[in-house]
Amino acid sequence: MSRAAEGLGGWLLQRFTAVYLAVYLLAVVARLLIQGTPGYAEWRTWFALPWMGVLTVMFAIAVLLHAWIGVREVLIDYVHPVWLRLVCMAVTGLVLLGSLLWVVRALTLAAMPGTA
């Protein structure tokens, strides 16, 4: 692969995640505009639906991939000591992974009957 095409994969992935994020957010806003602002029970019921849980986890993954690509590019461009860049990337990766696990846990708890 040529040096000119090295960043193409990341660029395309970031664009695809941006499109998914926009579509998901527009769908949620449209639902809120049509049905009004739901209470806690309605939110919980809505996010407990299997298809909504899957779409929301995909949304979280898209946000995290989008953020990872952007932060990685900034770190590569502006953090010159390799050890510091690796530490920053490791911390960023752990924070993003922890965030994904938190979203999955929250959705799992929302889907469980009898939990508040």
PDB file of N, CA and C in Angstrom:
ATOM      1  N   MET A   1       0.845  -1.169   0.000  1.00  0.00           N
ATOM      2  CA  MET A   1       0.000   0.000   0.000  1.00  0.00           C
ATOM      3  C   MET A   1       0.892   1.233   0.000  1.00  0.00           C
ATOM      4  N   SER A   2       0.488   2.237  -0.737  1.00  0.00           N
ATOM      5  CA  SER A   2       1.283   3.456  -0.811  1.00  0.00           C
ATOM      6  C   SER A   2       1.080   4.290   0.451  1.00  0.00           C
ATOM      7  N   ARG A   3       2.036   5.167   0.723  1.00  0.00           N
ATOM      8  CA  ARG A   3       1.933   6.040   1.898  1.00  0.00           C
ATOM      9  C   ARG A   3       0.721   6.965   1.789  1.00  0.00           C
ATOM     10  N   ALA A   4       0.343   7.321   0.593  1.00  0.00           N
ATOM     11  CA  ALA A   4      -0.795   8.216   0.414  1.00  0.00           C
ATOM     12  C   ALA A   4      -2.107   7.554   0.840  1.00  0.00           C
ATOM     13  N   ALA A   5      -2.195   6.227   0.796  1.00  0.00           N
ATOM     14  CA  ALA A   5      -3.433   5.519   1.121  1.00  0.00           C
ATOM     15  C   ALA A   5      -3.438   4.951   2.543  1.00  0.00           C
ATOM     16  N   GLU A   6      -2.404   5.216   3.333  1.00  0.00           N
ATOM     17  CA  GLU A   6      -2.324   4.627   4.672  1.00  0.00           C
ATOM     18  C   GLU A   6      -3.465   5.051   5.574  1.00  0.00           C
ATOM     19  N   GLY A   7      -3.869   6.300   5.521  1.00  0.00           N
ATOM     20  CA  GLY A   7      -4.919   6.787   6.404  1.00  0.00           C
ATOM     21  C   GLY A   7      -6.316   6.658   5.840  1.00  0.00           C
ATOM     22  N   LEU A   8      -6.447   6.083   4.653  1.00  0.00           N
ATOM     23  CA  LEU A   8      -7.741   5.998   4.004  1.00  0.00           C
ATOM     24  C   LEU A   8      -8.733   5.142   4.799  1.00  0.00           C
ATOM     25  N   GLY A   9      -8.266   4.032   5.343  1.00  0.00           N
ATOM     26  CA  GLY A   9      -9.157   3.154   6.107  1.00  0.00           C
ATOM     27  C   GLY A   9      -9.746   3.862   7.317  1.00  0.00           C
ATOM     28  N   GLY A  10      -8.907   4.562   8.076  1.00  0.00           N
ATOM     29  CA  GLY A  10      -9.389   5.318   9.228  1.00  0.00           C
ATOM     30  C   GLY A  10     -10.325   6.433   8.829  1.00  0.00           C
ATOM     31  N   TRP A  11      -9.996   7.099   7.747  1.00  0.00           N
ATOM     32  CA  TRP A  11     -10.836   8.194   7.255  1.00  0.00           C
ATOM     33  C   TRP A  11     -12.217   7.671   6.862  1.00  0.00           C
ATOM     34  N   LEU A  12     -12.247   6.557   6.124  1.00  0.00           N
ATOM     35  CA  LEU A  12     -13.529   5.973   5.719  1.00  0.00           C
ATOM     36  C   LEU A  12     -14.341   5.490   6.923  1.00  0.00           C
ATOM     37  N   LEU A  13     -13.674   4.845   7.869  1.00  0.00           N
ATOM     38  CA  LEU A  13     -14.367   4.359   9.061  1.00  0.00           C
ATOM     39  C   LEU A  13     -14.956   5.520   9.844  1.00  0.00           C
ATOM     40  N   GLN A  14     -14.209   6.612   9.944  1.00  0.00           N
ATOM     41  CA  GLN A  14     -14.733   7.766  10.659  1.00  0.00           C
ATOM     42  C   GLN A  14     -15.935   8.364   9.932  1.00  0.00           C
ATOM     43  N   ARG A  15     -15.924   8.371   8.626  1.00  0.00           N
ATOM     44  CA  ARG A  15     -17.062   8.889   7.871  1.00  0.00           C
ATOM     45  C   ARG A  15     -18.283   7.981   8.009  1.00  0.00           C
ATOM     46  N   PHE A  16     -18.081   6.665   7.950  1.00  0.00           N
ATOM     47  CA  PHE A  16     -19.199   5.735   8.114  1.00  0.00           C
ATOM     48  C   PHE A  16     -19.800   5.830   9.519  1.00  0.00           C
ATOM     49  N   THR A  17     -18.938   5.940  10.537  1.00  0.00           N
ATOM     50  CA  THR A  17     -19.471   6.079  11.896  1.00  0.00           C
ATOM     51  C   THR A  17     -20.233   7.397  12.042  1.00  0.00           C
ATOM     52  N   ALA A  18     -19.754   8.453  11.406  1.00  0.00           N
ATOM     53  CA  ALA A  18     -20.451   9.743  11.474  1.00  0.00           C
ATOM     54  C   ALA A  18     -21.839   9.640  10.855  1.00  0.00           C
ATOM     55  N   VAL A  19     -21.962   8.931   9.761  1.00  0.00           N
ATOM     56  CA  VAL A  19     -23.271   8.758   9.118  1.00  0.00           C
ATOM     57  C   VAL A  19     -24.201   7.972  10.040  1.00  0.00           C
ATOM     58  N   TYR A  20     -23.715   6.892  10.635  1.00  0.00           N
ATOM     59  CA  TYR A  20     -24.554   6.105  11.545  1.00  0.00           C
ATOM     60  C   TYR A  20     -24.979   6.939  12.747  1.00  0.00           C
ATOM     61  N   LEU A  21     -24.047   7.705  13.317  1.00  0.00           N
ATOM     62  CA  LEU A  21     -24.380   8.551  14.455  1.00  0.00           C
ATOM     63  C   LEU A  21     -25.478   9.548  14.092  1.00  0.00           C
ATOM     64  N   ALA A  22     -25.370  10.147  12.927  1.00  0.00           N
ATOM     65  CA  ALA A  22     -26.368  11.125  12.492  1.00  0.00           C
ATOM     66  C   ALA A  22     -27.731  10.466  12.302  1.00  0.00           C
ATOM     67  N   VAL A  23     -27.770   9.310  11.668  1.00  0.00           N
ATOM     68  CA  VAL A  23     -29.041   8.620  11.430  1.00  0.00           C
ATOM     69  C   VAL A  23     -29.683   8.202  12.753  1.00  0.00           C
ATOM     70  N   TYR A  24     -28.902   7.651  13.659  1.00  0.00           N
ATOM     71  CA  TYR A  24     -29.424   7.223  14.961  1.00  0.00           C
ATOM     72  C   TYR A  24     -29.988   8.419  15.723  1.00  0.00           C
ATOM     73  N   LEU A  25     -29.217   9.502  15.784  1.00  0.00           N
ATOM     74  CA  LEU A  25     -29.674  10.678  16.522  1.00  0.00           C
ATOM     75  C   LEU A  25     -30.926  11.287  15.898  1.00  0.00           C
ATOM     76  N   LEU A  26     -30.982  11.330  14.577  1.00  0.00           N
ATOM     77  CA  LEU A  26     -32.189  11.848  13.911  1.00  0.00           C
ATOM     78  C   LEU A  26     -33.406  10.974  14.216  1.00  0.00           C
ATOM     79  N   ALA A  27     -33.213   9.668  14.246  1.00  0.00           N
ATOM     80  CA  ALA A  27     -34.321   8.757  14.552  1.00  0.00           C
ATOM     81  C   ALA A  27     -34.813   8.957  15.990  1.00  0.00           C
ATOM     82  N   VAL A  28     -33.895   9.116  16.931  1.00  0.00           N
ATOM     83  CA  VAL A  28     -34.292   9.324  18.327  1.00  0.00           C
ATOM     84  C   VAL A  28     -35.001  10.669  18.482  1.00  0.00           C
ATOM     85  N   VAL A  29     -34.461  11.710  17.871  1.00  0.00           N
ATOM     86  CA  VAL A  29     -35.103  13.030  17.944  1.00  0.00           C
ATOM     87  C   VAL A  29     -36.481  12.992  17.284  1.00  0.00           C
ATOM     88  N   ALA A  30     -36.598  12.310  16.154  1.00  0.00           N
ATOM     89  CA  ALA A  30     -37.895  12.207  15.480  1.00  0.00           C
ATOM     90  C   ALA A  30     -38.908  11.508  16.382  1.00  0.00           C
ATOM     91  N   ARG A  31     -38.489  10.449  17.039  1.00  0.00           N
ATOM     92  CA  ARG A  31     -39.403   9.739  17.945  1.00  0.00           C
ATOM     93  C   ARG A  31     -39.825  10.640  19.093  1.00  0.00           C
ATOM     94  N   LEU A  32     -38.896  11.406  19.628  1.00  0.00           N
ATOM     95  CA  LEU A  32     -39.231  12.315  20.725  1.00  0.00           C
ATOM     96  C   LEU A  32     -40.186  13.410  20.267  1.00  0.00           C
ATOM     97  N   LEU A  33     -39.995  13.905  19.053  1.00  0.00           N
ATOM     98  CA  LEU A  33     -40.890  14.937  18.530  1.00  0.00           C
ATOM     99  C   LEU A  33     -42.292  14.394  18.268  1.00  0.00           C
ATOM    100  N   ILE A  34     -42.360  13.161  17.828  1.00  0.00           N
ATOM    101  CA  ILE A  34     -43.659  12.560  17.507  1.00  0.00           C
ATOM    102  C   ILE A  34     -44.404  12.155  18.779  1.00  0.00           C
ATOM    103  N   GLN A  35     -43.709  11.521  19.723  1.00  0.00           N
ATOM    104  CA  GLN A  35     -44.385  10.965  20.895  1.00  0.00           C
ATOM    105  C   GLN A  35     -44.252  11.818  22.151  1.00  0.00           C
ATOM    106  N   GLY A  36     -43.487  12.874  22.106  1.00  0.00           N
ATOM    107  CA  GLY A  36     -43.305  13.698  23.297  1.00  0.00           C
ATOM    108  C   GLY A  36     -42.211  13.148  24.197  1.00  0.00           C
ATOM    109  N   THR A  37     -41.934  13.879  25.256  1.00  0.00           N
ATOM    110  CA  THR A  37     -40.874  13.483  26.182  1.00  0.00           C
ATOM    111  C   THR A  37     -41.369  12.360  27.090  1.00  0.00           C
ATOM    112  N   PRO A  38     -40.713  11.222  27.045  1.00  0.00           N
ATOM    113  CA  PRO A  38     -41.158  10.090  27.876  1.00  0.00           C
ATOM    114  C   PRO A  38     -40.654  10.222  29.312  1.00  0.00           C
ATOM    115  N   GLY A  39     -41.333   9.533  30.207  1.00  0.00           N
ATOM    116  CA  GLY A  39     -40.870   9.431  31.584  1.00  0.00           C
ATOM    117  C   GLY A  39     -39.860   8.299  31.707  1.00  0.00           C
ATOM    118  N   TYR A  40     -39.415   8.068  32.930  1.00  0.00           N
ATOM    119  CA  TYR A  40     -38.402   7.041  33.173  1.00  0.00           C
ATOM    120  C   TYR A  40     -38.871   5.667  32.713  1.00  0.00           C
ATOM    121  N   ALA A  41     -40.098   5.318  33.038  1.00  0.00           N
ATOM    122  CA  ALA A  41     -40.617   3.987  32.688  1.00  0.00           C
ATOM    123  C   ALA A  41     -40.668   3.800  31.173  1.00  0.00           C
ATOM    124  N   GLU A  42     -41.069   4.852  30.449  1.00  0.00           N
ATOM    125  CA  GLU A  42     -41.129   4.754  28.983  1.00  0.00           C
ATOM    126  C   GLU A  42     -39.730   4.628  28.385  1.00  0.00           C
ATOM    127  N   TRP A  43     -38.774   5.406  28.916  1.00  0.00           N
ATOM    128  CA  TRP A  43     -37.391   5.294  28.433  1.00  0.00           C
ATOM    129  C   TRP A  43     -36.880   3.876  28.638  1.00  0.00           C
ATOM    130  N   ARG A  44     -37.122   3.377  29.835  1.00  0.00           N
ATOM    131  CA  ARG A  44     -36.624   2.051  30.166  1.00  0.00           C
ATOM    132  C   ARG A  44     -37.252   0.979  29.290  1.00  0.00           C
ATOM    133  N   THR A  45     -38.552   1.094  29.058  1.00  0.00           N
ATOM    134  CA  THR A  45     -39.241   0.141  28.186  1.00  0.00           C
ATOM    135  C   THR A  45     -38.708   0.217  26.776  1.00  0.00           C
ATOM    136  N   TRP A  46     -38.492   1.422  26.299  1.00  0.00           N
ATOM    137  CA  TRP A  46     -37.996   1.612  24.930  1.00  0.00           C
ATOM    138  C   TRP A  46     -36.597   1.035  24.762  1.00  0.00           C
ATOM    139  N   PHE A  47     -35.698   1.318  25.707  1.00  0.00           N
ATOM    140  CA  PHE A  47     -34.331   0.812  25.580  1.00  0.00           C
ATOM    141  C   PHE A  47     -34.206  -0.659  25.952  1.00  0.00           C
ATOM    142  N   ALA A  48     -35.235  -1.241  26.532  1.00  0.00           N
ATOM    143  CA  ALA A  48     -35.220  -2.671  26.831  1.00  0.00           C
ATOM    144  C   ALA A  48     -35.605  -3.513  25.619  1.00  0.00           C
ATOM    145  N   LEU A  49     -36.161  -2.876  24.583  1.00  0.00           N
ATOM    146  CA  LEU A  49     -36.484  -3.617  23.359  1.00  0.00           C
ATOM    147  C   LEU A  49     -35.201  -4.151  22.731  1.00  0.00           C
ATOM    148  N   PRO A  50     -35.185  -5.402  22.298  1.00  0.00           N
ATOM    149  CA  PRO A  50     -33.948  -5.978  21.755  1.00  0.00           C
ATOM    150  C   PRO A  50     -33.355  -5.177  20.597  1.00  0.00           C
ATOM    151  N   TRP A  51     -34.175  -4.741  19.650  1.00  0.00           N
ATOM    152  CA  TRP A  51     -33.640  -4.013  18.500  1.00  0.00           C
ATOM    153  C   TRP A  51     -33.086  -2.659  18.917  1.00  0.00           C
ATOM    154  N   MET A  52     -33.712  -2.020  19.918  1.00  0.00           N
ATOM    155  CA  MET A  52     -33.208  -0.725  20.371  1.00  0.00           C
ATOM    156  C   MET A  52     -31.902  -0.906  21.136  1.00  0.00           C
ATOM    157  N   GLY A  53     -31.802  -1.985  21.885  1.00  0.00           N
ATOM    158  CA  GLY A  53     -30.555  -2.275  22.589  1.00  0.00           C
ATOM    159  C   GLY A  53     -29.411  -2.502  21.621  1.00  0.00           C
ATOM    160  N   VAL A  54     -29.670  -3.264  20.566  1.00  0.00           N
ATOM    161  CA  VAL A  54     -28.631  -3.528  19.563  1.00  0.00           C
ATOM    162  C   VAL A  54     -28.226  -2.238  18.856  1.00  0.00           C
ATOM    163  N   LEU A  55     -29.216  -1.438  18.448  1.00  0.00           N
ATOM    164  CA  LEU A  55     -28.902  -0.175  17.774  1.00  0.00           C
ATOM    165  C   LEU A  55     -28.143   0.782  18.686  1.00  0.00           C
ATOM    166  N   THR A  56     -28.467   0.765  19.974  1.00  0.00           N
ATOM    167  CA  THR A  56     -27.786   1.646  20.918  1.00  0.00           C
ATOM    168  C   THR A  56     -26.364   1.181  21.179  1.00  0.00           C
ATOM    169  N   VAL A  57     -26.154  -0.116  21.280  1.00  0.00           N
ATOM    170  CA  VAL A  57     -24.781  -0.618  21.429  1.00  0.00           C
ATOM    171  C   VAL A  57     -23.969  -0.307  20.178  1.00  0.00           C
ATOM    172  N   MET A  58     -24.592  -0.448  19.017  1.00  0.00           N
ATOM    173  CA  MET A  58     -23.900  -0.064  17.773  1.00  0.00           C
ATOM    174  C   MET A  58     -23.589   1.436  17.774  1.00  0.00           C
ATOM    175  N   PHE A  59     -24.488   2.247  18.303  1.00  0.00           N
ATOM    176  CA  PHE A  59     -24.250   3.681  18.427  1.00  0.00           C
ATOM    177  C   PHE A  59     -23.048   3.935  19.332  1.00  0.00           C
ATOM    178  N   ALA A  60     -23.006   3.251  20.477  1.00  0.00           N
ATOM    179  CA  ALA A  60     -21.885   3.427  21.403  1.00  0.00           C
ATOM    180  C   ALA A  60     -20.568   3.004  20.753  1.00  0.00           C
ATOM    181  N   ILE A  61     -20.582   1.902  20.039  1.00  0.00           N
ATOM    182  CA  ILE A  61     -19.370   1.444  19.352  1.00  0.00           C
ATOM    183  C   ILE A  61     -18.956   2.456  18.291  1.00  0.00           C
ATOM    184  N   ALA A  62     -19.930   2.999  17.561  1.00  0.00           N
ATOM    185  CA  ALA A  62     -19.615   3.998  16.533  1.00  0.00           C
ATOM    186  C   ALA A  62     -19.021   5.253  17.157  1.00  0.00           C
ATOM    187  N   VAL A  63     -19.581   5.702  18.293  1.00  0.00           N
ATOM    188  CA  VAL A  63     -19.031   6.877  18.982  1.00  0.00           C
ATOM    189  C   VAL A  63     -17.593   6.601  19.411  1.00  0.00           C
ATOM    190  N   LEU A  64     -17.372   5.428  19.977  1.00  0.00           N
ATOM    191  CA  LEU A  64     -16.039   5.113  20.479  1.00  0.00           C
ATOM    192  C   LEU A  64     -15.023   4.946  19.348  1.00  0.00           C
ATOM    193  N   LEU A  65     -15.417   4.320  18.256  1.00  0.00           N
ATOM    194  CA  LEU A  65     -14.512   4.220  17.106  1.00  0.00           C
ATOM    195  C   LEU A  65     -14.205   5.597  16.526  1.00  0.00           C
ATOM    196  N   HIS A  66     -15.238   6.415  16.408  1.00  0.00           N
ATOM    197  CA  HIS A  66     -15.075   7.764  15.877  1.00  0.00           C
ATOM    198  C   HIS A  66     -14.105   8.563  16.762  1.00  0.00           C
ATOM    199  N   ALA A  67     -14.308   8.467  18.070  1.00  0.00           N
ATOM    200  CA  ALA A  67     -13.430   9.170  19.007  1.00  0.00           C
ATOM    201  C   ALA A  67     -12.011   8.612  18.954  1.00  0.00           C
ATOM    202  N   TRP A  68     -11.874   7.293  18.905  1.00  0.00           N
ATOM    203  CA  TRP A  68     -10.554   6.678  18.880  1.00  0.00           C
ATOM    204  C   TRP A  68      -9.751   7.145  17.670  1.00  0.00           C
ATOM    205  N   ILE A  69     -10.377   7.144  16.515  1.00  0.00           N
ATOM    206  CA  ILE A  69      -9.669   7.552  15.296  1.00  0.00           C
ATOM    207  C   ILE A  69      -9.229   9.005  15.405  1.00  0.00           C
ATOM    208  N   GLY A  70     -10.113   9.867  15.867  1.00  0.00           N
ATOM    209  CA  GLY A  70      -9.767  11.278  15.993  1.00  0.00           C
ATOM    210  C   GLY A  70      -8.665  11.527  16.997  1.00  0.00           C
ATOM    211  N   VAL A  71      -8.774  10.925  18.173  1.00  0.00           N
ATOM    212  CA  VAL A  71      -7.757  11.112  19.214  1.00  0.00           C
ATOM    213  C   VAL A  71      -6.426  10.510  18.771  1.00  0.00           C
ATOM    214  N   ARG A  72      -6.477   9.352  18.140  1.00  0.00           N
ATOM    215  CA  ARG A  72      -5.240   8.707  17.673  1.00  0.00           C
ATOM    216  C   ARG A  72      -4.509   9.598  16.676  1.00  0.00           C
ATOM    217  N   GLU A  73      -5.241  10.198  15.759  1.00  0.00           N
ATOM    218  CA  GLU A  73      -4.607  11.075  14.766  1.00  0.00           C
ATOM    219  C   GLU A  73      -3.998  12.308  15.417  1.00  0.00           C
ATOM    220  N   VAL A  74      -4.694  12.876  16.380  1.00  0.00           N
ATOM    221  CA  VAL A  74      -4.152  14.038  17.090  1.00  0.00           C
ATOM    222  C   VAL A  74      -2.885  13.642  17.850  1.00  0.00           C
ATOM    223  N   LEU A  75      -2.922  12.503  18.529  1.00  0.00           N
ATOM    224  CA  LEU A  75      -1.741  12.055  19.278  1.00  0.00           C
ATOM    225  C   LEU A  75      -0.568  11.775  18.343  1.00  0.00           C
ATOM    226  N   ILE A  76      -0.828  11.146  17.218  1.00  0.00           N
ATOM    227  CA  ILE A  76       0.254  10.860  16.269  1.00  0.00           C
ATOM    228  C   ILE A  76       0.859  12.152  15.739  1.00  0.00           C
ATOM    229  N   ASP A  77       0.012  13.142  15.471  1.00  0.00           N
ATOM    230  CA  ASP A  77       0.500  14.394  14.896  1.00  0.00           C
ATOM    231  C   ASP A  77       1.211  15.291  15.900  1.00  0.00           C
ATOM    232  N   TYR A  78       0.752  15.304  17.162  1.00  0.00           N
ATOM    233  CA  TYR A  78       1.235  16.321  18.095  1.00  0.00           C
ATOM    234  C   TYR A  78       2.013  15.822  19.295  1.00  0.00           C
ATOM    235  N   VAL A  79       1.993  14.525  19.593  1.00  0.00           N
ATOM    236  CA  VAL A  79       2.773  13.993  20.715  1.00  0.00           C
ATOM    237  C   VAL A  79       3.955  13.253  20.125  1.00  0.00           C
ATOM    238  N   HIS A  80       5.134  13.864  20.234  1.00  0.00           N
ATOM    239  CA  HIS A  80       6.299  13.321  19.534  1.00  0.00           C
ATOM    240  C   HIS A  80       7.069  12.234  20.283  1.00  0.00           C
ATOM    241  N   PRO A  81       7.236  12.313  21.612  1.00  0.00           N
ATOM    242  CA  PRO A  81       7.907  11.182  22.282  1.00  0.00           C
ATOM    243  C   PRO A  81       7.045   9.924  22.172  1.00  0.00           C
ATOM    244  N   VAL A  82       7.635   8.879  21.661  1.00  0.00           N
ATOM    245  CA  VAL A  82       6.874   7.652  21.403  1.00  0.00           C
ATOM    246  C   VAL A  82       6.290   7.080  22.690  1.00  0.00           C
ATOM    247  N   TRP A  83       7.049   7.077  23.765  1.00  0.00           N
ATOM    248  CA  TRP A  83       6.552   6.511  25.021  1.00  0.00           C
ATOM    249  C   TRP A  83       5.330   7.266  25.531  1.00  0.00           C
ATOM    250  N   LEU A  84       5.347   8.593  25.409  1.00  0.00           N
ATOM    251  CA  LEU A  84       4.224   9.404  25.863  1.00  0.00           C
ATOM    252  C   LEU A  84       2.997   9.177  24.973  1.00  0.00           C
ATOM    253  N   ARG A  85       3.241   9.050  23.683  1.00  0.00           N
ATOM    254  CA  ARG A  85       2.147   8.781  22.748  1.00  0.00           C
ATOM    255  C   ARG A  85       1.495   7.442  23.067  1.00  0.00           C
ATOM    256  N   LEU A  86       2.306   6.428  23.347  1.00  0.00           N
ATOM    257  CA  LEU A  86       1.768   5.104  23.674  1.00  0.00           C
ATOM    258  C   LEU A  86       0.983   5.125  24.985  1.00  0.00           C
ATOM    259  N   VAL A  87       1.492   5.858  25.976  1.00  0.00           N
ATOM    260  CA  VAL A  87       0.779   5.966  27.250  1.00  0.00           C
ATOM    261  C   VAL A  87      -0.563   6.655  27.032  1.00  0.00           C
ATOM    262  N   CYS A  88      -0.567   7.740  26.285  1.00  0.00           N
ATOM    263  CA  CYS A  88      -1.812   8.469  26.004  1.00  0.00           C
ATOM    264  C   CYS A  88      -2.797   7.591  25.237  1.00  0.00           C
ATOM    265  N   MET A  89      -2.311   6.826  24.276  1.00  0.00           N
ATOM    266  CA  MET A  89      -3.187   5.928  23.514  1.00  0.00           C
ATOM    267  C   MET A  89      -3.740   4.821  24.406  1.00  0.00           C
ATOM    268  N   ALA A  90      -2.910   4.287  25.292  1.00  0.00           N
ATOM    269  CA  ALA A  90      -3.371   3.228  26.191  1.00  0.00           C
ATOM    270  C   ALA A  90      -4.442   3.760  27.142  1.00  0.00           C
ATOM    271  N   VAL A  91      -4.224   4.944  27.702  1.00  0.00           N
ATOM    272  CA  VAL A  91      -5.216   5.532  28.612  1.00  0.00           C
ATOM    273  C   VAL A  91      -6.520   5.809  27.861  1.00  0.00           C
ATOM    274  N   THR A  92      -6.395   6.376  26.672  1.00  0.00           N
ATOM    275  CA  THR A  92      -7.588   6.654  25.865  1.00  0.00           C
ATOM    276  C   THR A  92      -8.336   5.365  25.546  1.00  0.00           C
ATOM    277  N   GLY A  93      -7.614   4.329  25.146  1.00  0.00           N
ATOM    278  CA  GLY A  93      -8.244   3.045  24.835  1.00  0.00           C
ATOM    279  C   GLY A  93      -8.952   2.448  26.032  1.00  0.00           C
ATOM    280  N   LEU A  94      -8.330   2.529  27.207  1.00  0.00           N
ATOM    281  CA  LEU A  94      -8.965   1.989  28.412  1.00  0.00           C
ATOM    282  C   LEU A  94     -10.219   2.773  28.797  1.00  0.00           C
ATOM    283  N   VAL A  95     -10.165   4.093  28.678  1.00  0.00           N
ATOM    284  CA  VAL A  95     -11.343   4.911  28.985  1.00  0.00           C
ATOM    285  C   VAL A  95     -12.479   4.593  28.013  1.00  0.00           C
ATOM    286  N   LEU A  96     -12.158   4.469  26.731  1.00  0.00           N
ATOM    287  CA  LEU A  96     -13.190   4.163  25.742  1.00  0.00           C
ATOM    288  C   LEU A  96     -13.770   2.765  25.957  1.00  0.00           C
ATOM    289  N   LEU A  97     -12.928   1.794  26.260  1.00  0.00           N
ATOM    290  CA  LEU A  97     -13.409   0.445  26.536  1.00  0.00           C
ATOM    291  C   LEU A  97     -14.287   0.421  27.783  1.00  0.00           C
ATOM    292  N   GLY A  98     -13.867   1.128  28.821  1.00  0.00           N
ATOM    293  CA  GLY A  98     -14.673   1.220  30.031  1.00  0.00           C
ATOM    294  C   GLY A  98     -16.032   1.857  29.747  1.00  0.00           C
ATOM    295  N   SER A  99     -16.043   2.865  28.890  1.00  0.00           N
ATOM    296  CA  SER A  99     -17.300   3.518  28.516  1.00  0.00           C
ATOM    297  C   SER A  99     -18.231   2.554  27.794  1.00  0.00           C
ATOM    298  N   LEU A 100     -17.682   1.757  26.887  1.00  0.00           N
ATOM    299  CA  LEU A 100     -18.493   0.774  26.176  1.00  0.00           C
ATOM    300  C   LEU A 100     -19.075  -0.254  27.140  1.00  0.00           C
ATOM    301  N   LEU A 101     -18.273  -0.729  28.061  1.00  0.00           N
ATOM    302  CA  LEU A 101     -18.762  -1.709  29.031  1.00  0.00           C
ATOM    303  C   LEU A 101     -19.849  -1.108  29.907  1.00  0.00           C
ATOM    304  N   TRP A 102     -19.723   0.176  30.256  1.00  0.00           N
ATOM    305  CA  TRP A 102     -20.741   0.851  31.053  1.00  0.00           C
ATOM    306  C   TRP A 102     -22.065   0.928  30.294  1.00  0.00           C
ATOM    307  N   VAL A 103     -22.008   1.239  29.005  1.00  0.00           N
ATOM    308  CA  VAL A 103     -23.225   1.317  28.179  1.00  0.00           C
ATOM    309  C   VAL A 103     -23.889  -0.057  28.100  1.00  0.00           C
ATOM    310  N   VAL A 104     -23.107  -1.087  27.866  1.00  0.00           N
ATOM    311  CA  VAL A 104     -23.667  -2.442  27.775  1.00  0.00           C
ATOM    312  C   VAL A 104     -24.300  -2.837  29.106  1.00  0.00           C
ATOM    313  N   ARG A 105     -23.645  -2.504  30.209  1.00  0.00           N
ATOM    314  CA  ARG A 105     -24.201  -2.813  31.537  1.00  0.00           C
ATOM    315  C   ARG A 105     -25.512  -2.067  31.749  1.00  0.00           C
ATOM    316  N   ALA A 106     -25.544  -0.789  31.413  1.00  0.00           N
ATOM    317  CA  ALA A 106     -26.770   0.000  31.599  1.00  0.00           C
ATOM    318  C   ALA A 106     -27.924  -0.566  30.760  1.00  0.00           C
ATOM    319  N   LEU A 107     -27.650  -0.939  29.544  1.00  0.00           N
ATOM    320  CA  LEU A 107     -28.701  -1.504  28.689  1.00  0.00           C
ATOM    321  C   LEU A 107     -29.148  -2.868  29.194  1.00  0.00           C
ATOM    322  N   THR A 108     -28.222  -3.649  29.702  1.00  0.00           N
ATOM    323  CA  THR A 108     -28.571  -4.957  30.256  1.00  0.00           C
ATOM    324  C   THR A 108     -29.464  -4.802  31.484  1.00  0.00           C
ATOM    325  N   LEU A 109     -29.120  -3.847  32.353  1.00  0.00           N
ATOM    326  CA  LEU A 109     -29.950  -3.612  33.526  1.00  0.00           C
ATOM    327  C   LEU A 109     -31.325  -3.074  33.149  1.00  0.00           C
ATOM    328  N   ALA A 110     -31.380  -2.254  32.106  1.00  0.00           N
ATOM    329  CA  ALA A 110     -32.668  -1.721  31.659  1.00  0.00           C
ATOM    330  C   ALA A 110     -33.561  -2.841  31.129  1.00  0.00           C
ATOM    331  N   ALA A 111     -32.962  -3.871  30.564  1.00  0.00           N
ATOM    332  CA  ALA A 111     -33.736  -4.970  29.993  1.00  0.00           C
ATOM    333  C   ALA A 111     -34.184  -5.983  31.047  1.00  0.00           C
ATOM    334  N   MET A 112     -33.591  -5.921  32.223  1.00  0.00           N
ATOM    335  CA  MET A 112     -33.941  -6.901  33.258  1.00  0.00           C
ATOM    336  C   MET A 112     -35.199  -6.458  34.005  1.00  0.00           C
ATOM    337  N   PRO A 113     -36.174  -7.309  34.095  1.00  0.00           N
ATOM    338  CA  PRO A 113     -37.373  -6.938  34.854  1.00  0.00           C
ATOM    339  C   PRO A 113     -37.083  -6.902  36.339  1.00  0.00           C
ATOM    340  N   GLY A 114     -37.709  -5.943  37.010  1.00  0.00           N
ATOM    341  CA  GLY A 114     -37.584  -5.877  38.475  1.00  0.00           C
ATOM    342  C   GLY A 114     -36.385  -5.107  38.985  1.00  0.00           C
ATOM    343  N   THR A 115     -35.565  -4.523  38.104  1.00  0.00           N
ATOM    344  CA  THR A 115     -34.447  -3.707  38.569  1.00  0.00           C
ATOM    345  C   THR A 115     -34.806  -2.243  38.395  1.00  0.00           C
ATOM    346  N   ALA A 116     -34.342  -1.428  39.317  1.00  0.00           N
ATOM    347  CA  ALA A 116     -34.673   0.001  39.246  1.00  0.00           C
ATOM    348  C   ALA A 116     -33.496   0.841  38.841  1.00  0.00           C
TER     349      ALA A 116
END
